[in-house]
Amino acid sequence: MRFGELIAREAENLPADKQAEVLDFIAFLRQRTAASSDVANPAPTEDIEAFFRSFDVDVSDYKFDREEANAR
């Protein structure tokens, strides 16, 4: 028996309010899965570069100074 069929069969034996909780939990799991897949699959480099190009800021002569940053 597949998991979906097993879950459906078990849920049928629950009161209506508990069946609603099962549906809420499934929605929560879907949302969490979608959020974690967004983190696992970051935007392509081209999309990120295109986003930052829209700001039109010249940072070609910028040099990061760790000591200065930590002093703040």
C-alpha atoms as a PDB file:
ATOM      1  CA  MET A   1       0.000   0.000   0.000  1.00  0.00           C
ATOM      2  CA  ARG A   2       1.295   3.459  -0.877  1.00  0.00           C
ATOM      3  CA  PHE A   3       1.747   6.161   1.745  1.00  0.00           C
ATOM      4  CA  GLY A   4      -1.003   8.354   0.279  1.00  0.00           C
ATOM      5  CA  GLU A   5      -3.507   5.529   0.493  1.00  0.00           C
ATOM      6  CA  LEU A   6      -2.421   4.692   4.036  1.00  0.00           C
ATOM      7  CA  ILE A   7      -2.720   8.326   5.150  1.00  0.00           C
ATOM      8  CA  ALA A   8      -6.174   8.618   3.558  1.00  0.00           C
ATOM      9  CA  ARG A   9      -7.372   5.424   5.227  1.00  0.00           C
ATOM     10  CA  GLU A  10      -6.094   6.485   8.645  1.00  0.00           C
ATOM     11  CA  ALA A  11      -7.546   9.998   8.266  1.00  0.00           C
ATOM     12  CA  GLU A  12     -11.000   8.579   7.495  1.00  0.00           C
ATOM     13  CA  ASN A  13     -11.139   7.196  11.036  1.00  0.00           C
ATOM     14  CA  LEU A  14     -10.509  10.594  12.627  1.00  0.00           C
ATOM     15  CA  PRO A  15     -13.124  13.177  13.627  1.00  0.00           C
ATOM     16  CA  ALA A  16     -13.672  16.021  11.145  1.00  0.00           C
ATOM     17  CA  ASP A  17     -11.670  18.557  13.192  1.00  0.00           C
ATOM     18  CA  LYS A  18      -8.678  16.200  13.301  1.00  0.00           C
ATOM     19  CA  GLN A  19      -8.969  15.583   9.559  1.00  0.00           C
ATOM     20  CA  ALA A  20      -8.722  19.363   9.113  1.00  0.00           C
ATOM     21  CA  GLU A  21      -5.546  19.333  11.226  1.00  0.00           C
ATOM     22  CA  VAL A  22      -4.084  16.659   8.952  1.00  0.00           C
ATOM     23  CA  LEU A  23      -4.793  18.864   5.931  1.00  0.00           C
ATOM     24  CA  ASP A  24      -3.216  21.858   7.689  1.00  0.00           C
ATOM     25  CA  PHE A  25      -0.137  19.789   8.454  1.00  0.00           C
ATOM     26  CA  ILE A  26       0.126  18.675   4.815  1.00  0.00           C
ATOM     27  CA  ALA A  27      -0.056  22.330   3.731  1.00  0.00           C
ATOM     28  CA  PHE A  28       2.681  23.171   6.255  1.00  0.00           C
ATOM     29  CA  LEU A  29       4.908  20.399   4.909  1.00  0.00           C
ATOM     30  CA  ARG A  30       4.393  21.573   1.334  1.00  0.00           C
ATOM     31  CA  GLN A  31       5.289  25.138   2.294  1.00  0.00           C
ATOM     32  CA  ARG A  32       8.390  24.021   4.191  1.00  0.00           C
ATOM     33  CA  THR A  33       9.466  21.783   1.314  1.00  0.00           C
ATOM     34  CA  ALA A  34       9.052  24.627  -1.180  1.00  0.00           C
ATOM     35  CA  ALA A  35      11.065  26.976   1.041  1.00  0.00           C
ATOM     36  CA  SER A  36      13.895  24.494   1.478  1.00  0.00           C
ATOM     37  CA  SER A  37      14.043  23.801  -2.255  1.00  0.00           C
ATOM     38  CA  ASP A  38      14.440  27.552  -2.857  1.00  0.00           C
ATOM     39  CA  VAL A  39      17.500  27.514  -0.613  1.00  0.00           C
ATOM     40  CA  ALA A  40      18.840  24.346  -2.209  1.00  0.00           C
ATOM     41  CA  ASN A  41      18.421  25.813  -5.709  1.00  0.00           C
ATOM     42  CA  PRO A  42      19.702  29.394  -5.601  1.00  0.00           C
ATOM     43  CA  ALA A  43      19.145  31.784  -8.489  1.00  0.00           C
ATOM     44  CA  PRO A  44      21.520  31.395 -11.439  1.00  0.00           C
ATOM     45  CA  THR A  45      24.540  33.680 -11.474  1.00  0.00           C
ATOM     46  CA  GLU A  46      23.184  35.520 -14.517  1.00  0.00           C
ATOM     47  CA  ASP A  47      20.023  36.481 -12.623  1.00  0.00           C
ATOM     48  CA  ILE A  48      22.020  37.740  -9.651  1.00  0.00           C
ATOM     49  CA  GLU A  49      24.375  39.765 -11.839  1.00  0.00           C
ATOM     50  CA  ALA A  50      21.443  41.266 -13.763  1.00  0.00           C
ATOM     51  CA  PHE A  51      19.833  42.297 -10.480  1.00  0.00           C
ATOM     52  CA  PHE A  52      22.937  44.135  -9.259  1.00  0.00           C
ATOM     53  CA  ARG A  53      23.609  45.750 -12.654  1.00  0.00           C
ATOM     54  CA  SER A  54      20.289  47.564 -12.297  1.00  0.00           C
ATOM     55  CA  PHE A  55      21.770  49.666  -9.463  1.00  0.00           C
ATOM     56  CA  ASP A  56      24.474  51.146 -11.727  1.00  0.00           C
ATOM     57  CA  VAL A  57      27.085  51.661  -8.977  1.00  0.00           C
ATOM     58  CA  ASP A  58      30.794  51.671  -9.791  1.00  0.00           C
ATOM     59  CA  VAL A  59      32.687  49.584  -7.232  1.00  0.00           C
ATOM     60  CA  SER A  60      35.711  48.827  -9.406  1.00  0.00           C
ATOM     61  CA  ASP A  61      38.188  50.564  -7.060  1.00  0.00           C
ATOM     62  CA  TYR A  62      36.586  49.330  -3.816  1.00  0.00           C
ATOM     63  CA  LYS A  63      38.856  47.347  -1.491  1.00  0.00           C
ATOM     64  CA  PHE A  64      37.421  45.521   1.494  1.00  0.00           C
ATOM     65  CA  ASP A  65      39.320  46.206   4.721  1.00  0.00           C
ATOM     66  CA  ARG A  66      38.469  43.627   7.375  1.00  0.00           C
ATOM     67  CA  GLU A  67      40.099  45.651  10.182  1.00  0.00           C
ATOM     68  CA  GLU A  68      38.070  48.738   9.296  1.00  0.00           C
ATOM     69  CA  ALA A  69      34.861  46.715   9.116  1.00  0.00           C
ATOM     70  CA  ASN A  70      35.494  45.106  12.504  1.00  0.00           C
ATOM     71  CA  ALA A  71      36.336  48.456  14.081  1.00  0.00           C
ATOM     72  CA  ARG A  72      32.793  49.703  13.478  1.00  0.00           C
END
